[in-house]
Every structure is written in C-alpha cells, then in structure tokens.
Amino acid sequence: MKIVVRLVLLLVLVGLGYWLYTFFFPGPERVIRQRLAKLAQAASIRPDQGLLSRGAAIQELAGYFDSEIEITVNWRGGSQHSLAGRDEIIETAKLAHARFKHLKIEFLDLNVTLAPDKQSAIVHLTAKVTSSDQSDFQVQELKFHLKKANGDWLIFRIETIRTLSHLLVDGALVARA
C-alpha cells in the first residue's frame, strides 16, 4: 500500500512540475496567442476611456508591429485598404479613436503555424469587429505574419484571406485573381 501512495504522490509531483514549467516557460504558440489577445484589447476602444488612456493605448498598439509593417485588407464590396509602417497605424488608430465611442475587436479561431526555426510564424484568424455606429458586427478572415525580434513576436504583414464571400458583389459571383 505504501508503494501505491508513493507512486501516486510521485505522479502528482511530476504533473505539478510540468504544469509549473509550462506556466512559467510557455511555448511560442501560446506566447503568440497571448500576444494577439493583448493586441485585440489594445486596439479596442472602450466608452469609458479618457484622453490619456486612449493616447497610451495607441502607443501600446504600435508596439505590437514591426517598423516595416504592411497591412492590406480587402473588405466586402471590393474596397481595399492598405497601411505601411507604424506611423500610418498610429494615425489610423487616432482617427478611429476620434470617430468611435466604442469599438470591440476580437480574434477568433487562431491557427498558429510556426516555421521550423521557430523565429517566424503565420497565424490564420477571424477578426470580429463590433462598433458603436453599427448594429451588426463585421467579420474578416486574416493572415498575420510574425517574426521574433528581441524576444518579442512582432507582426510584419497582415493580409486578407480570400474566401468565396469576397467574390460575391451584390449577390453576383465575380471572378477575381
């Protein structure tokens, strides 16, 4: 009986040790997921935010991106928006803070693919955006390209994942390359 108790105690200690190790030293995939969750929070606008906290959120937002960031998003209906560099992200965030009282951004269905060297990653995700001026929310499938620089995962490119819904314009199927 003493052997069984000791074996169970040993298994519990090994399990606890493993859990502690993974908690304090998470893998790159978990770090990327946590970082993108924080990015969504930083990009969101709360109605109770004051001017100083909005300014701090904009500066925090810029820290998630590489200085050479490229963003190309194709919205339904055919409109395309492009940004290049942190300065454009900051200006766009300032415009969003001036326009919206409330903007909630969520990243759903994250699929993280690490490169073999674990220094870069591609994340496919669904962005859900809810704003104060629309009764419904917007959904967009995106591909984030990240690289590890100075211990942080920085986003250097964001692009739209083309789906069948992007090919529908006013209910008609449009062929696009």
Protein backbone atom coordinates (compact mmCIF):
# COMPACT_ATOMS: atom_id res chain seq x y z
CA MET A 1 0.00 0.00 0.00
CA LYS A 2 2.87 2.39 0.77
CA ILE A 3 4.26 1.84 -2.73
CA VAL A 4 0.96 2.84 -4.36
CA VAL A 5 0.74 6.02 -2.25
CA ARG A 6 4.35 6.90 -3.10
CA LEU A 7 3.76 6.29 -6.82
CA VAL A 8 0.63 8.47 -6.80
CA LEU A 9 2.50 11.19 -4.89
CA LEU A 10 5.38 10.97 -7.38
CA LEU A 11 2.96 11.26 -10.33
CA VAL A 12 1.28 14.29 -8.72
CA LEU A 13 4.67 15.95 -8.17
CA VAL A 14 5.78 15.26 -11.74
CA GLY A 15 2.46 16.64 -13.08
CA LEU A 16 2.74 19.74 -10.89
CA GLY A 17 6.35 20.27 -12.01
CA TYR A 18 5.35 20.00 -15.67
CA TRP A 19 2.46 22.43 -15.18
CA LEU A 20 4.72 24.94 -13.43
CA TYR A 21 7.32 24.65 -16.20
CA THR A 22 4.75 25.25 -18.96
CA PHE A 23 3.22 28.13 -16.97
CA PHE A 24 6.50 29.99 -16.42
CA PHE A 25 8.09 28.99 -19.76
CA PRO A 26 5.26 28.82 -22.32
CA GLY A 27 5.87 27.63 -25.85
CA PRO A 28 5.97 30.04 -28.79
CA GLU A 29 2.45 29.17 -29.93
CA ARG A 30 0.99 30.06 -26.54
CA VAL A 31 3.03 33.28 -26.40
CA ILE A 32 1.72 34.29 -29.85
CA ARG A 33 -1.89 33.58 -28.84
CA GLN A 34 -1.49 35.66 -25.66
CA ARG A 35 0.17 38.49 -27.58
CA LEU A 36 -2.62 38.61 -30.18
CA ALA A 37 -5.24 38.63 -27.41
CA LYS A 38 -3.48 41.64 -25.87
CA LEU A 39 -3.33 43.28 -29.31
CA ALA A 40 -7.10 42.91 -29.68
CA GLN A 41 -7.58 44.54 -26.27
CA ALA A 42 -5.21 47.40 -27.13
CA ALA A 43 -6.93 48.01 -30.48
CA SER A 44 -10.40 48.05 -28.90
CA ILE A 45 -11.92 51.32 -27.76
CA ARG A 46 -13.94 51.42 -24.55
CA PRO A 47 -16.53 54.15 -23.99
CA ASP A 48 -15.16 54.91 -20.51
CA GLN A 49 -11.62 55.64 -21.75
CA GLY A 50 -10.29 59.14 -21.18
CA LEU A 51 -7.97 61.04 -23.49
CA LEU A 52 -4.80 59.97 -21.67
CA SER A 53 -5.71 56.29 -21.66
CA ARG A 54 -6.65 56.48 -25.34
CA GLY A 55 -3.25 58.01 -26.15
CA ALA A 56 -1.48 55.32 -24.13
CA ALA A 57 -3.50 52.61 -25.90
CA ILE A 58 -2.46 53.99 -29.30
CA GLN A 59 1.22 53.94 -28.32
CA GLU A 60 0.84 50.42 -26.89
CA LEU A 61 -0.81 49.32 -30.12
CA ALA A 62 2.20 50.42 -32.17
CA GLY A 63 4.47 48.19 -30.07
CA TYR A 64 2.89 45.04 -31.48
CA PHE A 65 4.07 45.81 -35.01
CA ASP A 66 7.38 45.79 -36.81
CA SER A 67 8.54 49.19 -38.05
CA GLU A 68 8.11 47.96 -41.64
CA ILE A 69 4.55 46.65 -41.16
CA GLU A 70 2.38 46.18 -44.28
CA ILE A 71 -1.37 45.78 -43.95
CA THR A 72 -3.64 45.05 -46.92
CA VAL A 73 -7.28 44.35 -46.18
CA ASN A 74 -9.96 43.75 -48.81
CA TRP A 75 -13.44 44.41 -47.44
CA ARG A 76 -16.63 43.01 -48.86
CA GLY A 77 -17.88 45.08 -51.74
CA GLY A 78 -14.42 45.38 -53.25
CA SER A 79 -12.84 48.18 -51.22
CA GLN A 80 -9.19 47.72 -50.33
CA HIS A 81 -7.29 49.48 -47.55
CA SER A 82 -3.51 49.48 -47.20
CA LEU A 83 -1.20 50.76 -44.47
CA ALA A 84 2.58 50.76 -44.40
CA GLY A 85 4.68 51.49 -41.32
CA ARG A 86 3.95 52.17 -37.67
CA ASP A 87 3.27 55.86 -38.29
CA GLU A 88 0.28 55.05 -40.51
CA ILE A 89 -1.02 52.63 -37.88
CA ILE A 90 -0.78 55.34 -35.23
CA GLU A 91 -2.59 57.86 -37.47
CA THR A 92 -5.31 55.33 -38.31
CA ALA A 93 -5.74 54.50 -34.62
CA LYS A 94 -6.05 58.22 -33.80
CA LEU A 95 -8.76 58.56 -36.47
CA ALA A 96 -10.59 55.52 -35.09
CA HIS A 97 -10.45 56.92 -31.55
CA ALA A 98 -11.87 60.22 -32.81
CA ARG A 99 -14.65 58.53 -34.78
CA PHE A 100 -15.83 55.72 -32.50
CA LYS A 101 -17.02 55.84 -28.91
CA HIS A 102 -16.92 52.06 -28.72
CA LEU A 103 -15.01 49.57 -30.87
CA LYS A 104 -14.53 45.98 -29.81
CA ILE A 105 -12.05 43.77 -31.66
CA GLU A 106 -11.82 40.04 -31.10
CA PHE A 107 -9.56 37.48 -32.72
CA LEU A 108 -11.27 34.11 -33.05
CA ASP A 109 -10.24 30.69 -34.36
CA LEU A 110 -6.49 31.29 -34.23
CA ASN A 111 -4.47 28.74 -36.20
CA VAL A 112 -0.76 29.25 -35.45
CA THR A 113 1.87 27.72 -37.76
CA LEU A 114 5.47 28.06 -36.62
CA ALA A 115 8.40 27.97 -39.03
CA PRO A 116 10.87 25.14 -38.41
CA ASP A 117 13.40 27.57 -36.90
CA LYS A 118 10.69 28.93 -34.53
CA GLN A 119 11.70 32.50 -35.40
CA SER A 120 8.66 33.28 -37.55
CA ALA A 121 5.02 32.25 -37.65
CA ILE A 122 1.85 32.61 -39.68
CA VAL A 123 -1.48 32.94 -37.92
CA HIS A 124 -4.80 32.48 -39.69
CA LEU A 125 -7.64 34.02 -37.69
CA THR A 126 -11.08 35.53 -37.86
CA ALA A 127 -11.36 39.14 -36.76
CA LYS A 128 -14.71 40.20 -35.32
CA VAL A 129 -15.27 43.96 -35.08
CA THR A 130 -18.22 45.50 -33.26
CA SER A 131 -18.62 49.28 -33.38
CA SER A 132 -20.91 51.84 -31.79
CA ASP A 133 -22.24 53.14 -35.10
CA GLN A 134 -23.40 49.78 -36.49
CA SER A 135 -26.00 47.45 -35.05
CA ASP A 136 -24.25 44.39 -36.51
CA PHE A 137 -20.64 43.25 -36.39
CA GLN A 138 -18.06 42.82 -39.17
CA VAL A 139 -16.16 39.57 -39.68
CA GLN A 140 -12.95 39.29 -41.67
CA GLU A 141 -10.57 36.36 -42.15
CA LEU A 142 -6.95 37.49 -41.91
CA LYS A 143 -3.44 36.11 -42.15
CA PHE A 144 -0.84 37.58 -39.77
CA HIS A 145 2.88 37.12 -40.44
CA LEU A 146 5.02 37.41 -37.31
CA LYS A 147 8.72 37.31 -36.60
CA LYS A 148 10.63 37.06 -33.37
CA ALA A 149 12.76 40.13 -32.68
CA ASN A 150 14.50 40.85 -29.38
CA GLY A 151 12.36 38.26 -27.59
CA ASP A 152 9.02 39.70 -28.82
CA TRP A 153 6.77 38.47 -31.59
CA LEU A 154 6.19 41.40 -33.95
CA ILE A 155 3.66 41.50 -36.78
CA PHE A 156 5.26 42.48 -40.08
CA ARG A 157 2.39 41.76 -42.51
CA ILE A 158 -1.38 41.38 -42.34
CA GLU A 159 -3.43 40.37 -45.34
CA THR A 160 -6.95 39.27 -46.14
CA ILE A 161 -7.67 35.62 -46.74
CA ARG A 162 -9.77 35.47 -49.86
CA THR A 163 -12.95 33.49 -49.36
CA LEU A 164 -16.00 32.88 -51.52
CA SER A 165 -17.77 35.78 -49.79
CA HIS A 166 -15.17 38.17 -51.23
CA LEU A 167 -16.15 37.05 -54.70
CA LEU A 168 -19.80 37.95 -54.18
CA VAL A 169 -20.63 41.53 -55.13
CA ASP A 170 -24.33 42.49 -54.96
CA GLY A 171 -25.27 38.81 -55.00
CA ALA A 172 -23.40 38.05 -58.24
CA LEU A 173 -20.32 35.87 -58.46
CA VAL A 174 -17.33 37.89 -59.69
CA ALA A 175 -14.11 36.20 -60.85
CA ARG A 176 -11.02 37.70 -59.19
CA ALA A 177 -7.41 36.64 -59.25
